[in-house]
């Protein structure tokens, strides 16, 4: 092999590695930048967690959400353990919702909605030692491109979740 070919191959490999490293992490791969206040990064593999429940929010939110939990969260939900144990992580994947013309043709009426573009992904992580002033929960918000939410957004999480009757968690388990 001549030196030009080896140099070309090395540049191609380095470019490919750079593109991979700079790909937004909202795809479920984890890592990336941490959110302010709580210092949380996107947990690796969260898209493979089990489903806790789904939600449909109207008004200004106009979204669908899938709530996923790590193994600790799922066990706590199934065993009805409250408060949730340290190590619990709950993810909320939010999407806009759009009408499905394809489904409506089958149903015969305009009644079907499906997830549209993703809007954000949020996490609640239970660590009573790390976050004692927020009920033991750390909160994270990541935009659809994987960038962290703002400090102002995160300051609204704990006060709102403190109103939930089950250890700051609104989501009920849908077995």
N, C-alpha and C. Protein backbone atom coordinates (compact mmCIF):
# COMPACT_ATOMS: atom_id res chain seq x y z
N UNK A 1 0.85 -1.18 0.00
CA UNK A 1 0.00 0.00 0.00
C UNK A 1 0.89 1.24 0.00
N UNK A 2 0.51 2.22 -0.81
CA UNK A 2 1.36 3.41 -0.81
C UNK A 2 0.93 4.37 0.29
N UNK A 3 1.77 5.33 0.56
CA UNK A 3 1.57 6.26 1.68
C UNK A 3 0.31 7.13 1.49
N UNK A 4 0.00 7.50 0.25
CA UNK A 4 -1.21 8.31 0.01
C UNK A 4 -2.46 7.54 0.41
N UNK A 5 -2.53 6.25 0.09
CA UNK A 5 -3.68 5.43 0.43
C UNK A 5 -3.81 5.28 1.94
N UNK A 6 -2.71 5.06 2.63
CA UNK A 6 -2.72 4.94 4.10
C UNK A 6 -3.17 6.25 4.72
N UNK A 7 -2.65 7.37 4.23
CA UNK A 7 -3.06 8.68 4.76
C UNK A 7 -4.54 8.91 4.53
N UNK A 8 -5.04 8.57 3.34
CA UNK A 8 -6.47 8.72 3.04
C UNK A 8 -7.31 7.88 3.99
N UNK A 9 -6.91 6.64 4.21
CA UNK A 9 -7.64 5.74 5.10
C UNK A 9 -7.67 6.27 6.53
N UNK A 10 -6.55 6.77 7.01
CA UNK A 10 -6.49 7.33 8.37
C UNK A 10 -7.39 8.56 8.50
N UNK A 11 -7.40 9.42 7.49
CA UNK A 11 -8.27 10.60 7.52
C UNK A 11 -9.73 10.19 7.50
N UNK A 12 -10.08 9.20 6.69
CA UNK A 12 -11.48 8.73 6.63
C UNK A 12 -11.92 8.16 7.96
N UNK A 13 -11.07 7.36 8.60
CA UNK A 13 -11.41 6.78 9.90
C UNK A 13 -11.56 7.88 10.95
N UNK A 14 -10.64 8.84 10.96
CA UNK A 14 -10.71 9.93 11.93
C UNK A 14 -11.96 10.78 11.72
N UNK A 15 -12.31 11.04 10.46
CA UNK A 15 -13.53 11.82 10.17
C UNK A 15 -14.77 11.07 10.65
N UNK A 16 -14.83 9.78 10.34
CA UNK A 16 -15.98 8.98 10.79
C UNK A 16 -16.10 8.96 12.30
N UNK A 17 -14.98 8.83 12.99
CA UNK A 17 -15.01 8.83 14.46
C UNK A 17 -15.48 10.17 14.98
N UNK A 18 -15.05 11.26 14.34
CA UNK A 18 -15.48 12.60 14.77
C UNK A 18 -16.96 12.80 14.58
N UNK A 19 -17.51 12.37 13.46
CA UNK A 19 -18.95 12.49 13.22
C UNK A 19 -19.72 11.70 14.26
N UNK A 20 -19.27 10.48 14.54
CA UNK A 20 -19.95 9.65 15.54
C UNK A 20 -19.89 10.32 16.91
N UNK A 21 -18.76 10.85 17.29
CA UNK A 21 -18.60 11.47 18.61
C UNK A 21 -19.44 12.72 18.76
N UNK A 22 -19.69 13.43 17.66
CA UNK A 22 -20.44 14.68 17.74
C UNK A 22 -21.94 14.51 17.49
N UNK A 23 -22.41 13.29 17.26
CA UNK A 23 -23.82 13.05 17.04
C UNK A 23 -24.59 13.33 18.33
N UNK A 24 -25.72 14.05 18.28
CA UNK A 24 -26.49 14.33 19.49
C UNK A 24 -26.86 13.05 20.23
N UNK A 25 -26.87 13.14 21.54
CA UNK A 25 -27.08 11.96 22.37
C UNK A 25 -28.53 11.71 22.75
N UNK A 26 -29.48 12.46 22.24
CA UNK A 26 -30.87 12.22 22.58
C UNK A 26 -31.36 10.91 21.99
N UNK A 27 -30.53 10.24 21.24
CA UNK A 27 -30.89 8.95 20.63
C UNK A 27 -30.91 7.82 21.64
N UNK A 28 -30.52 8.08 22.88
CA UNK A 28 -30.53 7.04 23.90
C UNK A 28 -29.15 6.49 24.18
N UNK A 29 -28.13 7.09 23.59
CA UNK A 29 -26.78 6.58 23.78
C UNK A 29 -26.15 7.06 25.08
N UNK A 30 -26.67 8.10 25.68
CA UNK A 30 -26.13 8.59 26.93
C UNK A 30 -24.97 9.54 26.73
N UNK A 31 -24.56 10.14 27.83
CA UNK A 31 -23.42 11.05 27.79
C UNK A 31 -23.84 12.46 27.44
N UNK A 32 -22.95 13.17 26.76
CA UNK A 32 -23.23 14.55 26.38
C UNK A 32 -23.04 15.48 27.55
N UNK A 33 -23.53 16.70 27.38
CA UNK A 33 -23.40 17.72 28.42
C UNK A 33 -24.38 17.47 29.55
N UNK A 34 -23.99 17.90 30.74
CA UNK A 34 -24.85 17.77 31.92
C UNK A 34 -25.75 18.99 32.05
N UNK A 35 -26.92 18.80 32.65
CA UNK A 35 -27.82 19.92 32.89
C UNK A 35 -27.28 20.75 34.05
N UNK A 36 -27.64 22.05 34.07
CA UNK A 36 -27.25 22.88 35.21
C UNK A 36 -27.98 22.43 36.49
N UNK A 37 -27.55 22.90 37.59
CA UNK A 37 -28.08 22.65 38.93
C UNK A 37 -27.83 21.21 39.38
N UNK A 38 -28.40 20.23 38.68
CA UNK A 38 -28.35 18.84 39.12
C UNK A 38 -27.16 18.06 38.55
N UNK A 39 -26.56 18.55 37.48
CA UNK A 39 -25.38 17.90 36.91
C UNK A 39 -25.63 16.55 36.27
N UNK A 40 -26.85 16.30 35.83
CA UNK A 40 -27.23 15.00 35.26
C UNK A 40 -26.95 14.98 33.76
N UNK A 41 -26.41 13.86 33.30
CA UNK A 41 -26.23 13.62 31.87
C UNK A 41 -27.27 12.59 31.44
N UNK A 42 -27.48 12.46 30.14
CA UNK A 42 -28.42 11.47 29.63
C UNK A 42 -27.90 10.08 29.97
N UNK A 43 -28.69 9.28 30.70
CA UNK A 43 -28.23 7.93 31.05
C UNK A 43 -28.10 7.03 29.82
N UNK A 44 -27.02 6.29 29.71
CA UNK A 44 -26.86 5.42 28.55
C UNK A 44 -27.93 4.33 28.52
N UNK A 45 -28.41 4.04 27.32
CA UNK A 45 -29.35 2.94 27.12
C UNK A 45 -30.76 3.17 27.61
N UNK A 46 -31.12 4.40 27.95
CA UNK A 46 -32.46 4.63 28.52
C UNK A 46 -33.58 4.23 27.56
N UNK A 47 -33.35 4.26 26.26
CA UNK A 47 -34.41 3.90 25.32
C UNK A 47 -34.75 2.41 25.38
N UNK A 48 -33.91 1.62 26.04
CA UNK A 48 -34.17 0.19 26.20
C UNK A 48 -34.87 -0.13 27.52
N UNK A 49 -35.16 0.87 28.34
CA UNK A 49 -35.83 0.63 29.61
C UNK A 49 -37.28 0.22 29.35
N UNK A 50 -37.92 -0.30 30.39
CA UNK A 50 -39.31 -0.76 30.27
C UNK A 50 -40.31 0.38 30.41
N UNK A 51 -41.45 0.17 29.79
CA UNK A 51 -42.52 1.17 29.82
C UNK A 51 -43.20 1.19 31.19
N UNK A 52 -43.34 2.37 31.74
CA UNK A 52 -44.10 2.57 32.98
C UNK A 52 -45.53 2.95 32.60
N UNK A 53 -45.65 3.94 31.72
CA UNK A 53 -46.96 4.44 31.34
C UNK A 53 -46.81 5.37 30.14
N UNK A 54 -47.95 5.84 29.65
CA UNK A 54 -47.98 6.84 28.59
C UNK A 54 -48.86 8.00 29.05
N UNK A 55 -48.69 9.14 28.41
CA UNK A 55 -49.49 10.31 28.76
C UNK A 55 -49.81 11.11 27.51
N UNK A 56 -50.94 11.78 27.56
CA UNK A 56 -51.35 12.70 26.51
C UNK A 56 -51.64 14.02 27.19
N UNK A 57 -50.92 15.04 26.82
CA UNK A 57 -51.09 16.35 27.44
C UNK A 57 -51.57 17.34 26.38
N UNK A 58 -52.60 18.06 26.67
CA UNK A 58 -53.14 19.07 25.75
C UNK A 58 -52.69 20.46 26.18
N UNK A 59 -53.46 21.46 25.85
CA UNK A 59 -53.12 22.83 26.21
C UNK A 59 -51.85 23.27 25.51
N UNK A 60 -51.01 23.98 26.23
CA UNK A 60 -49.76 24.48 25.66
C UNK A 60 -48.79 23.35 25.32
N UNK A 61 -48.90 22.22 26.01
CA UNK A 61 -47.95 21.13 25.79
C UNK A 61 -48.26 20.34 24.52
N UNK A 62 -49.52 20.01 24.31
CA UNK A 62 -49.96 19.32 23.10
C UNK A 62 -48.99 18.20 22.74
N UNK A 63 -48.85 17.23 23.66
CA UNK A 63 -47.83 16.20 23.43
C UNK A 63 -48.28 14.81 23.86
N UNK A 64 -47.55 13.84 23.35
CA UNK A 64 -47.59 12.46 23.82
C UNK A 64 -46.32 12.24 24.61
N UNK A 65 -46.37 11.37 25.59
CA UNK A 65 -45.16 11.03 26.33
C UNK A 65 -45.16 9.55 26.66
N UNK A 66 -43.98 8.99 26.63
CA UNK A 66 -43.76 7.62 27.10
C UNK A 66 -42.87 7.72 28.32
N UNK A 67 -43.32 7.15 29.45
CA UNK A 67 -42.53 7.13 30.66
C UNK A 67 -41.86 5.77 30.76
N UNK A 68 -40.54 5.80 30.86
CA UNK A 68 -39.75 4.57 30.95
C UNK A 68 -39.04 4.54 32.30
N UNK A 69 -38.74 3.34 32.77
CA UNK A 69 -38.03 3.22 34.04
C UNK A 69 -36.89 2.23 33.96
N UNK A 70 -35.83 2.53 34.72
CA UNK A 70 -34.75 1.56 34.82
C UNK A 70 -35.22 0.40 35.69
N UNK A 71 -34.40 -0.61 35.89
CA UNK A 71 -34.81 -1.80 36.64
C UNK A 71 -35.24 -1.46 38.07
N UNK A 72 -34.56 -0.50 38.71
CA UNK A 72 -34.91 -0.11 40.08
C UNK A 72 -36.31 0.50 40.09
N UNK A 73 -36.60 1.36 39.13
CA UNK A 73 -37.92 2.01 39.06
C UNK A 73 -39.02 0.98 38.82
N UNK A 74 -38.79 0.07 37.88
CA UNK A 74 -39.82 -0.93 37.56
C UNK A 74 -40.11 -1.81 38.77
N UNK A 75 -39.07 -2.23 39.47
CA UNK A 75 -39.27 -3.06 40.68
C UNK A 75 -40.07 -2.28 41.73
N UNK A 76 -39.72 -1.01 41.93
CA UNK A 76 -40.44 -0.20 42.91
C UNK A 76 -41.91 -0.04 42.52
N UNK A 77 -42.18 0.20 41.24
CA UNK A 77 -43.57 0.30 40.79
C UNK A 77 -44.31 -1.01 41.01
N UNK A 78 -43.71 -2.12 40.61
CA UNK A 78 -44.39 -3.41 40.72
C UNK A 78 -44.62 -3.81 42.17
N UNK A 79 -43.69 -3.45 43.05
CA UNK A 79 -43.82 -3.80 44.47
C UNK A 79 -44.55 -2.73 45.27
N UNK A 80 -44.98 -1.66 44.60
CA UNK A 80 -45.65 -0.52 45.24
C UNK A 80 -44.79 0.06 46.37
N UNK A 81 -43.50 0.18 46.13
CA UNK A 81 -42.55 0.69 47.11
C UNK A 81 -42.53 2.22 47.09
N UNK A 82 -42.90 2.82 48.21
CA UNK A 82 -42.80 4.26 48.39
C UNK A 82 -42.18 4.54 49.74
N UNK A 83 -41.29 5.48 49.85
CA UNK A 83 -40.77 6.27 48.75
C UNK A 83 -39.93 5.40 47.80
N UNK A 84 -39.74 5.91 46.58
CA UNK A 84 -38.91 5.20 45.63
C UNK A 84 -37.50 5.09 46.18
N UNK A 85 -36.83 3.95 45.96
CA UNK A 85 -35.48 3.79 46.49
C UNK A 85 -34.45 4.59 45.68
N UNK A 86 -33.33 4.90 46.33
CA UNK A 86 -32.23 5.52 45.61
C UNK A 86 -31.84 4.62 44.45
N UNK A 87 -31.49 5.24 43.35
CA UNK A 87 -31.14 4.50 42.14
C UNK A 87 -32.28 4.44 41.14
N UNK A 88 -33.48 4.84 41.57
CA UNK A 88 -34.62 4.90 40.64
C UNK A 88 -34.37 5.98 39.60
N UNK A 89 -34.60 5.64 38.34
CA UNK A 89 -34.54 6.64 37.27
C UNK A 89 -35.79 6.49 36.41
N UNK A 90 -36.48 7.60 36.22
CA UNK A 90 -37.67 7.64 35.38
C UNK A 90 -37.38 8.60 34.23
N UNK A 91 -37.65 8.14 33.02
CA UNK A 91 -37.45 8.97 31.82
C UNK A 91 -38.80 9.30 31.23
N UNK A 92 -38.95 10.52 30.75
CA UNK A 92 -40.16 10.94 30.04
C UNK A 92 -39.75 11.40 28.65
N UNK A 93 -40.17 10.65 27.65
CA UNK A 93 -39.87 10.99 26.26
C UNK A 93 -41.09 11.71 25.69
N UNK A 94 -40.93 12.97 25.34
CA UNK A 94 -42.03 13.79 24.87
C UNK A 94 -41.97 14.00 23.36
N UNK A 95 -43.15 13.91 22.74
CA UNK A 95 -43.30 14.10 21.31
C UNK A 95 -44.50 15.00 21.06
N UNK A 96 -44.44 15.81 20.01
CA UNK A 96 -45.66 16.48 19.59
C UNK A 96 -46.57 15.38 19.03
N UNK A 97 -47.86 15.66 18.89
CA UNK A 97 -48.70 14.64 18.26
C UNK A 97 -49.36 15.23 17.03
N UNK A 98 -49.52 14.36 16.05
CA UNK A 98 -50.04 14.79 14.76
C UNK A 98 -51.13 13.82 14.31
N UNK A 99 -52.04 14.32 13.51
CA UNK A 99 -53.10 13.46 12.95
C UNK A 99 -52.47 12.46 11.98
N UNK A 100 -53.04 11.26 11.93
CA UNK A 100 -52.56 10.23 11.02
C UNK A 100 -53.58 10.02 9.91
N UNK A 101 -53.31 10.62 8.75
CA UNK A 101 -54.21 10.45 7.60
C UNK A 101 -54.28 8.98 7.20
N UNK A 102 -53.16 8.28 7.30
CA UNK A 102 -53.13 6.86 6.95
C UNK A 102 -54.08 6.05 7.83
N UNK A 103 -54.00 6.27 9.14
CA UNK A 103 -54.89 5.54 10.05
C UNK A 103 -56.34 5.98 9.88
N UNK A 104 -56.56 7.28 9.67
CA UNK A 104 -57.92 7.78 9.52
C UNK A 104 -58.63 7.16 8.31
N UNK A 105 -57.87 6.87 7.25
CA UNK A 105 -58.46 6.21 6.08
C UNK A 105 -59.00 4.84 6.47
N UNK A 106 -58.28 4.14 7.30
CA UNK A 106 -58.70 2.81 7.74
C UNK A 106 -59.91 2.91 8.67
N UNK A 107 -59.86 3.87 9.61
CA UNK A 107 -60.94 4.01 10.58
C UNK A 107 -62.18 4.68 9.99
N UNK A 108 -62.02 5.44 8.92
CA UNK A 108 -63.15 6.11 8.30
C UNK A 108 -63.50 7.44 8.91
N UNK A 109 -62.82 7.84 9.97
CA UNK A 109 -63.06 9.12 10.64
C UNK A 109 -61.72 9.74 11.04
N UNK A 110 -61.69 11.07 11.13
CA UNK A 110 -60.45 11.71 11.61
C UNK A 110 -60.35 11.56 13.14
N UNK A 111 -59.73 10.49 13.58
CA UNK A 111 -59.68 10.20 15.01
C UNK A 111 -58.33 9.72 15.50
N UNK A 112 -57.40 9.51 14.61
CA UNK A 112 -56.14 8.89 14.99
C UNK A 112 -55.01 9.91 15.06
N UNK A 113 -54.26 9.85 16.14
CA UNK A 113 -53.09 10.71 16.33
C UNK A 113 -51.90 9.83 16.66
N UNK A 114 -50.75 10.23 16.17
CA UNK A 114 -49.52 9.47 16.37
C UNK A 114 -48.42 10.44 16.82
N UNK A 115 -47.34 9.89 17.39
CA UNK A 115 -46.24 10.79 17.77
C UNK A 115 -45.68 11.51 16.55
N UNK A 116 -45.44 12.80 16.74
CA UNK A 116 -44.78 13.61 15.73
C UNK A 116 -43.32 13.77 16.12
N UNK A 117 -42.74 14.89 15.77
CA UNK A 117 -41.33 15.11 16.11
C UNK A 117 -41.11 15.12 17.63
N UNK A 118 -39.96 14.60 18.08
CA UNK A 118 -39.66 14.65 19.51
C UNK A 118 -39.47 16.10 19.96
N UNK A 119 -39.88 16.39 21.20
CA UNK A 119 -39.69 17.74 21.72
C UNK A 119 -38.62 17.79 22.80
N UNK A 120 -38.59 16.77 23.66
CA UNK A 120 -37.56 16.73 24.71
C UNK A 120 -37.58 15.38 25.40
N UNK A 121 -36.59 15.15 26.22
CA UNK A 121 -36.57 13.99 27.10
C UNK A 121 -36.17 14.51 28.48
N UNK A 122 -36.88 14.01 29.49
CA UNK A 122 -36.65 14.46 30.87
C UNK A 122 -36.37 13.25 31.75
N UNK A 123 -35.62 13.48 32.82
CA UNK A 123 -35.28 12.41 33.74
C UNK A 123 -35.50 12.87 35.17
N UNK A 124 -35.90 11.92 36.01
CA UNK A 124 -35.91 12.08 37.47
C UNK A 124 -35.02 10.96 38.00
N UNK A 125 -34.05 11.34 38.82
CA UNK A 125 -33.12 10.37 39.39
C UNK A 125 -33.17 10.50 40.90
N UNK A 126 -33.41 9.38 41.59
CA UNK A 126 -33.52 9.40 43.05
C UNK A 126 -32.16 9.13 43.67
N UNK A 127 -31.68 10.10 44.43
CA UNK A 127 -30.46 9.99 45.22
C UNK A 127 -30.63 10.91 46.42
N UNK A 128 -31.13 10.35 47.52
CA UNK A 128 -31.48 11.17 48.68
C UNK A 128 -30.28 11.83 49.33
N UNK A 129 -29.09 11.31 49.12
CA UNK A 129 -27.88 11.94 49.66
C UNK A 129 -27.46 13.13 48.82
N UNK A 130 -27.54 12.99 47.51
CA UNK A 130 -27.10 14.03 46.58
C UNK A 130 -28.06 15.21 46.52
N UNK A 131 -29.38 14.94 46.59
CA UNK A 131 -30.38 16.00 46.44
C UNK A 131 -31.40 15.99 47.59
N UNK A 132 -30.97 16.18 48.82
CA UNK A 132 -31.92 16.12 49.94
C UNK A 132 -32.95 17.25 49.95
N UNK A 133 -32.62 18.39 49.37
CA UNK A 133 -33.54 19.53 49.41
C UNK A 133 -34.66 19.45 48.38
N UNK A 134 -34.59 18.47 47.48
CA UNK A 134 -35.64 18.32 46.46
C UNK A 134 -36.32 16.96 46.61
N UNK A 135 -36.47 16.52 47.84
CA UNK A 135 -37.13 15.25 48.09
C UNK A 135 -36.30 14.05 47.66
N UNK A 136 -35.01 14.28 47.45
CA UNK A 136 -34.12 13.19 47.04
C UNK A 136 -34.06 13.00 45.53
N UNK A 137 -34.74 13.87 44.79
CA UNK A 137 -34.80 13.73 43.34
C UNK A 137 -33.93 14.77 42.65
N UNK A 138 -33.22 14.32 41.61
CA UNK A 138 -32.55 15.21 40.68
C UNK A 138 -33.34 15.22 39.39
N UNK A 139 -33.36 16.35 38.73
CA UNK A 139 -34.18 16.51 37.53
C UNK A 139 -33.30 16.92 36.35
N UNK A 140 -33.70 16.46 35.16
CA UNK A 140 -32.95 16.81 33.95
C UNK A 140 -33.92 17.00 32.80
N UNK A 141 -33.61 17.95 31.95
CA UNK A 141 -34.38 18.23 30.75
C UNK A 141 -33.38 18.37 29.60
N UNK A 142 -33.60 17.62 28.53
CA UNK A 142 -32.75 17.72 27.34
C UNK A 142 -33.63 18.00 26.14
N UNK A 143 -33.23 18.97 25.35
CA UNK A 143 -33.96 19.33 24.14
C UNK A 143 -33.86 18.20 23.12
N UNK A 144 -34.65 18.28 22.06
CA UNK A 144 -34.68 17.19 21.08
C UNK A 144 -33.34 16.96 20.39
N UNK A 145 -32.43 17.92 20.46
CA UNK A 145 -31.10 17.73 19.87
C UNK A 145 -30.07 17.25 20.89
N UNK A 146 -30.52 16.95 22.11
CA UNK A 146 -29.62 16.44 23.14
C UNK A 146 -28.98 17.50 24.00
N UNK A 147 -29.21 18.78 23.69
CA UNK A 147 -28.62 19.84 24.50
C UNK A 147 -29.40 19.99 25.81
N UNK A 148 -28.69 20.33 26.90
CA UNK A 148 -29.36 20.48 28.20
C UNK A 148 -30.34 21.64 28.23
N UNK A 149 -31.38 21.47 29.04
CA UNK A 149 -32.31 22.56 29.29
C UNK A 149 -31.63 23.64 30.13
N UNK A 150 -32.35 24.71 30.38
CA UNK A 150 -31.78 25.85 31.09
C UNK A 150 -31.97 25.71 32.60
N UNK A 151 -31.21 26.49 33.32
CA UNK A 151 -31.34 26.53 34.78
C UNK A 151 -32.76 26.98 35.16
N UNK A 152 -33.31 27.94 34.43
CA UNK A 152 -34.67 28.42 34.71
C UNK A 152 -35.69 27.28 34.58
N UNK A 153 -35.55 26.45 33.53
CA UNK A 153 -36.46 25.31 33.36
C UNK A 153 -36.34 24.36 34.55
N UNK A 154 -35.12 24.05 34.94
CA UNK A 154 -34.90 23.06 35.99
C UNK A 154 -35.36 23.53 37.36
N UNK A 155 -35.36 24.83 37.59
CA UNK A 155 -35.82 25.36 38.88
C UNK A 155 -37.31 25.15 39.07
N UNK A 156 -38.07 24.87 38.01
CA UNK A 156 -39.51 24.65 38.13
C UNK A 156 -39.86 23.20 38.45
N UNK A 157 -38.92 22.27 38.27
CA UNK A 157 -39.23 20.85 38.40
C UNK A 157 -39.62 20.45 39.83
N UNK A 158 -38.72 20.66 40.79
CA UNK A 158 -38.96 20.19 42.16
C UNK A 158 -40.22 20.80 42.78
N UNK A 159 -40.46 22.12 42.67
CA UNK A 159 -41.69 22.67 43.26
C UNK A 159 -42.97 22.06 42.67
N UNK A 160 -42.96 21.80 41.38
CA UNK A 160 -44.13 21.20 40.75
C UNK A 160 -44.29 19.75 41.20
N UNK A 161 -43.21 18.98 41.14
CA UNK A 161 -43.28 17.57 41.51
C UNK A 161 -43.56 17.36 43.01
N UNK A 162 -43.25 18.34 43.83
CA UNK A 162 -43.55 18.24 45.26
C UNK A 162 -45.06 18.14 45.50
N UNK A 163 -45.86 18.55 44.54
CA UNK A 163 -47.32 18.49 44.65
C UNK A 163 -47.88 17.10 44.39
N UNK A 164 -47.06 16.21 43.81
CA UNK A 164 -47.51 14.83 43.52
C UNK A 164 -47.64 14.07 44.83
N UNK A 165 -48.62 13.20 44.91
CA UNK A 165 -48.90 12.49 46.16
C UNK A 165 -48.05 11.24 46.37
N UNK A 166 -47.27 10.84 45.37
CA UNK A 166 -46.47 9.62 45.49
C UNK A 166 -44.99 9.94 45.33
N UNK A 167 -44.36 10.46 46.37
CA UNK A 167 -42.92 10.72 46.38
C UNK A 167 -42.49 11.57 45.18
N UNK A 168 -43.20 12.61 44.93
CA UNK A 168 -42.90 13.58 43.86
C UNK A 168 -43.08 13.01 42.45
N UNK A 169 -43.74 11.88 42.33
CA UNK A 169 -43.92 11.24 41.02
C UNK A 169 -45.41 11.28 40.65
N UNK A 170 -45.71 11.83 39.47
CA UNK A 170 -47.08 11.89 38.99
C UNK A 170 -47.51 10.59 38.31
N UNK A 171 -46.58 9.95 37.64
CA UNK A 171 -46.91 8.80 36.79
C UNK A 171 -47.26 7.57 37.59
N UNK A 172 -48.40 6.99 37.27
CA UNK A 172 -48.82 5.72 37.85
C UNK A 172 -48.41 4.59 36.90
N UNK A 173 -48.17 3.44 37.48
CA UNK A 173 -47.76 2.29 36.69
C UNK A 173 -48.92 1.73 35.90
N UNK A 174 -48.72 1.49 34.61
CA UNK A 174 -49.75 0.89 33.76
C UNK A 174 -49.25 -0.51 33.36
N UNK A 175 -49.58 -1.51 34.19
CA UNK A 175 -49.02 -2.85 33.93
C UNK A 175 -49.51 -3.45 32.61
